[in-house]
Amino acid sequence: MEYRIYGTSDRGLRREANEDSFAYRLLPDGMIAVVADGVGGHPGGAFASALATEQILQAVAAVPASLPLPSQLLVCCEQANSALRRAQQAHPGYEQMATTVVALLARDRQAALLHAGDSRCYRWRGQALQLLTRDHTLAQQMVDDGTIGPDEAERTPYRHVLTHGLGLANTLRYSLIELRLEPGDVYLLCSDGLSKPLTDAAIAAALAHHPTETGAAEALIAAANQAGGPDNIAVILIRCLE
């Protein structure tokens, strides 16, 4: 299987700096793509997201091919988490820096998807959009526990409080699933600067109306900014080909 990939990022309309990072690379037998969103409110958010994406791409080149695909991706993300923890100690004032991560590693038709935090992955297949990740936030945890309803979760300040993320602890907390890729699939990795202001219907419309990865990504960012651009926006689109 071959892949066509495009990524881009935008500061949005309300942030003074862009703390989102993205990176991707075609591999001899597949590809790796990563989006990271530095945690706001603490110094070092941009540094944390950039370090995370850099470390994951470096690690994937050295991870043993004998490992199962999900284990390969987990090793890469754990190494990035360890690098962040070391950087926290090495840079005074950055002790609380952290970042979300969503990463997709594919080799031929098999893929592994890992995320920690509220950056997301969607799949566009057969003109239908499916969210493949579940936000690791205190608000989502409260919904799962029955403490609040989904509508209240959209308004509570707890929607910004992460329960998982790189740099939050020595042991990485994450979700990891395996996927079977099909020709024609499009995978969207994004930060919450895209998913928060846009409905699933708006995301689906952009993917349906823009057949190229570049056009769809630019349309998504424009739509997020038209919806207020409340946060930094990072987008990677991956199209699976025969």
Protein backbone atom coordinates (compact mmCIF):
# COMPACT_ATOMS: atom_id res chain seq x y z
CA MET A 1 0.00 0.00 0.00
CA GLU A 2 1.13 3.55 -0.75
CA TYR A 3 0.22 6.75 1.08
CA ARG A 4 -0.23 10.40 0.21
CA ILE A 5 0.28 12.73 3.18
CA TYR A 6 -0.07 16.43 3.81
CA GLY A 7 0.26 18.35 7.06
CA THR A 8 -0.09 21.96 8.10
CA SER A 9 -0.62 24.13 11.16
CA ASP A 10 -2.04 27.54 11.97
CA ARG A 11 -1.83 29.80 15.02
CA GLY A 12 -5.58 30.43 15.02
CA LEU A 13 -7.10 33.79 15.84
CA ARG A 14 -6.77 34.07 19.62
CA ARG A 15 -3.35 32.68 20.54
CA GLU A 16 -0.16 34.72 20.50
CA ALA A 17 2.00 31.71 19.65
CA ASN A 18 1.57 28.30 18.03
CA GLU A 19 2.24 25.44 20.46
CA ASP A 20 1.07 22.69 18.07
CA SER A 21 3.55 20.51 16.20
CA PHE A 22 3.18 17.90 13.49
CA ALA A 23 5.52 15.58 11.65
CA TYR A 24 5.30 12.69 9.23
CA ARG A 25 7.61 10.48 7.24
CA LEU A 26 7.24 7.85 4.56
CA LEU A 27 9.01 4.62 5.52
CA PRO A 28 10.31 1.90 3.19
CA ASP A 29 7.25 -0.21 4.01
CA GLY A 30 4.83 2.32 5.46
CA MET A 31 4.56 5.69 7.16
CA ILE A 32 4.49 7.46 10.54
CA ALA A 33 2.45 10.59 11.32
CA VAL A 34 2.26 12.53 14.59
CA VAL A 35 0.34 15.55 15.90
CA ALA A 36 1.17 17.04 19.31
CA ASP A 37 -0.44 19.96 21.15
CA GLY A 38 1.63 21.59 23.88
CA VAL A 39 -0.32 22.05 27.10
CA GLY A 40 -1.38 25.67 27.47
CA GLY A 41 -0.94 27.59 30.71
CA HIS A 42 2.57 26.29 31.35
CA PRO A 43 5.89 27.45 29.89
CA GLY A 44 7.43 25.18 27.30
CA GLY A 45 4.30 24.01 25.49
CA ALA A 46 5.77 24.61 22.03
CA PHE A 47 9.06 23.02 23.08
CA ALA A 48 7.23 19.97 24.46
CA SER A 49 5.19 19.34 21.32
CA ALA A 50 8.17 19.82 19.02
CA LEU A 51 10.34 17.52 21.13
CA ALA A 52 7.66 14.84 21.18
CA THR A 53 7.19 14.76 17.41
CA GLU A 54 10.93 14.83 16.79
CA GLN A 55 11.61 12.01 19.24
CA ILE A 56 8.89 9.75 17.84
CA LEU A 57 10.14 10.13 14.28
CA GLN A 58 13.71 9.43 15.40
CA ALA A 59 12.68 6.39 17.41
CA VAL A 60 10.65 4.74 14.65
CA ALA A 61 13.79 4.40 12.53
CA ALA A 62 15.51 2.38 15.24
CA VAL A 63 12.68 0.35 16.79
CA PRO A 64 13.11 -3.43 16.25
CA ALA A 65 11.05 -4.62 13.29
CA SER A 66 10.55 -7.93 15.10
CA LEU A 67 8.17 -6.27 17.56
CA PRO A 68 4.43 -6.31 16.85
CA LEU A 69 3.33 -3.07 15.23
CA PRO A 70 1.49 -1.70 18.31
CA SER A 71 4.57 -2.39 20.43
CA GLN A 72 6.75 -0.54 17.93
CA LEU A 73 4.60 2.58 18.25
CA LEU A 74 4.38 2.29 22.02
CA VAL A 75 8.17 2.08 22.34
CA CYS A 76 8.51 5.25 20.24
CA CYS A 77 5.99 7.18 22.36
CA GLU A 78 7.48 5.94 25.63
CA GLN A 79 10.89 7.14 24.48
CA ALA A 80 9.38 10.53 23.69
CA ASN A 81 7.80 10.65 27.15
CA SER A 82 11.16 9.85 28.75
CA ALA A 83 12.84 12.57 26.68
CA LEU A 84 10.27 15.08 27.90
CA ARG A 85 10.79 14.07 31.52
CA ARG A 86 14.55 14.54 31.12
CA ALA A 87 14.03 17.91 29.46
CA GLN A 88 11.82 19.04 32.35
CA GLN A 89 14.73 18.53 34.72
CA ALA A 90 17.26 20.12 32.38
CA HIS A 91 15.34 23.34 31.69
CA PRO A 92 14.43 25.45 34.75
CA GLY A 93 10.89 26.78 34.48
CA TYR A 94 9.79 23.96 32.20
CA GLU A 95 9.13 21.43 34.95
CA GLN A 96 5.41 21.22 34.13
CA MET A 97 5.61 21.25 30.35
CA ALA A 98 3.60 18.51 28.65
CA THR A 99 1.89 17.72 25.38
CA THR A 100 -0.85 15.64 23.89
CA VAL A 101 0.04 13.17 21.16
CA VAL A 102 -1.82 11.25 18.47
CA ALA A 103 0.35 9.01 16.30
CA LEU A 104 -0.40 6.61 13.45
CA LEU A 105 2.18 4.03 12.37
CA ALA A 106 1.38 1.99 9.27
CA ARG A 107 3.23 -0.83 7.59
CA ASP A 108 1.50 -2.03 4.44
CA ARG A 109 -2.20 -2.54 5.33
CA GLN A 110 -1.71 -2.76 9.10
CA ALA A 111 -1.61 0.24 11.40
CA ALA A 112 -1.34 1.12 15.05
CA LEU A 113 -2.91 4.26 16.53
CA LEU A 114 -1.79 5.66 19.89
CA HIS A 115 -3.07 8.76 21.60
CA ALA A 116 -2.68 10.48 24.94
CA GLY A 117 -4.73 13.60 25.57
CA ASP A 118 -7.38 15.25 23.42
CA SER A 119 -5.74 15.34 20.01
CA ARG A 120 -7.80 13.13 17.74
CA CYS A 121 -7.82 10.74 14.82
CA TYR A 122 -10.78 10.44 12.44
CA ARG A 123 -11.25 7.98 9.59
CA TRP A 124 -13.06 8.93 6.37
CA ARG A 125 -14.22 5.74 4.67
CA GLY A 126 -17.05 5.29 2.18
CA GLN A 127 -18.20 8.91 2.60
CA ALA A 128 -18.64 8.37 6.36
CA LEU A 129 -16.63 9.95 9.17
CA GLN A 130 -15.68 7.95 12.27
CA LEU A 131 -13.88 9.22 15.36
CA LEU A 132 -11.30 6.59 16.33
CA THR A 133 -10.03 8.18 19.54
CA ARG A 134 -11.69 9.13 22.82
CA ASP A 135 -10.52 12.29 24.56
CA HIS A 136 -8.43 11.82 27.68
CA THR A 137 -9.89 14.74 29.63
CA LEU A 138 -11.43 15.09 33.04
CA ALA A 139 -14.69 16.15 31.38
CA GLN A 140 -14.82 12.98 29.27
CA GLN A 141 -14.02 10.90 32.36
CA MET A 142 -16.92 12.56 34.17
CA VAL A 143 -19.22 11.75 31.23
CA ASP A 144 -18.05 8.14 31.31
CA ASP A 145 -18.70 8.02 35.07
CA GLY A 146 -22.18 9.50 34.64
CA THR A 147 -21.30 12.60 36.69
CA ILE A 148 -22.22 14.99 33.88
CA GLY A 149 -23.92 14.69 30.50
CA PRO A 150 -22.32 15.21 27.07
CA ASP A 151 -23.86 18.67 26.68
CA GLU A 152 -22.47 19.85 30.02
CA ALA A 153 -19.07 18.43 29.07
CA GLU A 154 -18.93 20.96 26.21
CA ARG A 155 -19.22 23.84 28.70
CA THR A 156 -17.31 22.72 31.78
CA PRO A 157 -13.77 24.05 32.32
CA TYR A 158 -12.77 20.43 33.01
CA ARG A 159 -12.83 19.82 29.25
CA HIS A 160 -9.34 21.35 29.16
CA VAL A 161 -7.90 19.21 31.98
CA LEU A 162 -5.93 16.28 30.57
CA THR A 163 -5.82 12.90 32.29
CA HIS A 164 -3.21 11.51 29.86
CA GLY A 165 -0.33 13.15 28.04
CA LEU A 166 3.40 13.07 27.38
CA GLY A 167 5.41 14.60 30.20
CA LEU A 168 2.73 14.26 32.88
CA ALA A 169 4.33 11.26 34.60
CA ASN A 170 7.25 8.85 34.27
CA THR A 171 4.85 6.13 33.15
CA LEU A 172 2.93 7.03 30.02
CA ARG A 173 -0.86 6.60 30.12
CA TYR A 174 -2.32 6.08 26.66
CA SER A 175 -4.86 4.33 24.43
CA LEU A 176 -3.63 2.07 21.63
CA ILE A 177 -5.60 0.25 18.94
CA GLU A 178 -4.83 -1.73 15.79
CA LEU A 179 -6.37 -0.88 12.42
CA ARG A 180 -6.73 -2.55 9.05
CA LEU A 181 -6.24 -0.02 6.27
CA GLU A 182 -8.23 -0.08 3.05
CA PRO A 183 -7.53 1.70 -0.24
CA GLY A 184 -9.43 4.97 -0.29
CA ASP A 185 -9.26 5.48 3.47
CA VAL A 186 -8.38 8.98 4.64
CA TYR A 187 -7.07 9.44 8.19
CA LEU A 188 -7.20 12.85 9.84
CA LEU A 189 -4.92 13.58 12.79
CA CYS A 190 -5.64 16.90 14.47
CA SER A 191 -5.28 18.98 17.58
CA ASP A 192 -8.31 20.19 19.51
CA GLY A 193 -8.00 23.55 17.81
CA LEU A 194 -9.77 21.83 14.93
CA SER A 195 -12.07 19.38 16.69
CA LYS A 196 -13.40 21.76 19.35
CA PRO A 197 -14.84 24.51 17.10
CA LEU A 198 -15.99 22.18 14.30
CA THR A 199 -18.76 19.62 14.35
CA ASP A 200 -18.27 16.19 12.83
CA ALA A 201 -20.60 17.30 10.03
CA ALA A 202 -18.36 20.26 9.20
CA ILE A 203 -15.26 18.04 9.14
CA ALA A 204 -17.04 15.51 6.94
CA ALA A 205 -18.17 18.25 4.54
CA ALA A 206 -14.60 19.50 4.07
CA LEU A 207 -13.35 15.99 3.33
CA ALA A 208 -16.23 15.29 0.96
CA HIS A 209 -15.87 18.52 -1.04
CA HIS A 210 -12.07 18.66 -1.34
CA PRO A 211 -10.57 15.59 -3.02
CA THR A 212 -6.92 16.55 -2.43
CA GLU A 213 -5.20 16.37 0.94
CA THR A 214 -3.89 19.92 0.56
CA GLY A 215 -7.28 21.34 -0.31
CA ALA A 216 -9.06 19.48 2.48
CA ALA A 217 -6.51 20.48 5.11
CA GLU A 218 -6.60 24.15 4.12
CA ALA A 219 -10.41 24.06 4.08
CA LEU A 220 -10.49 22.55 7.57
CA ILE A 221 -8.19 25.21 8.97
CA ALA A 222 -10.20 27.96 7.29
CA ALA A 223 -13.41 26.53 8.75
CA ALA A 224 -11.91 26.38 12.25
CA ASN A 225 -10.85 30.01 11.99
CA GLN A 226 -14.25 31.02 10.64
CA ALA A 227 -15.71 29.35 13.74
CA GLY A 228 -13.64 31.66 15.93
CA GLY A 229 -10.16 30.15 15.72
CA PRO A 230 -9.99 29.75 19.52
CA ASP A 231 -6.78 27.70 19.57
CA ASN A 232 -3.80 26.60 17.53
CA ILE A 233 -4.70 24.15 14.77
CA ALA A 234 -2.63 21.24 13.47
CA VAL A 235 -3.80 18.84 10.76
CA ILE A 236 -2.33 15.82 9.00
CA LEU A 237 -4.27 14.01 6.27
CA ILE A 238 -3.20 10.55 5.12
CA ARG A 239 -4.77 8.94 2.05
CA CYS A 240 -4.31 5.20 1.55
CA LEU A 241 -3.66 4.14 -2.03
CA GLU A 242 -3.31 0.76 -3.72
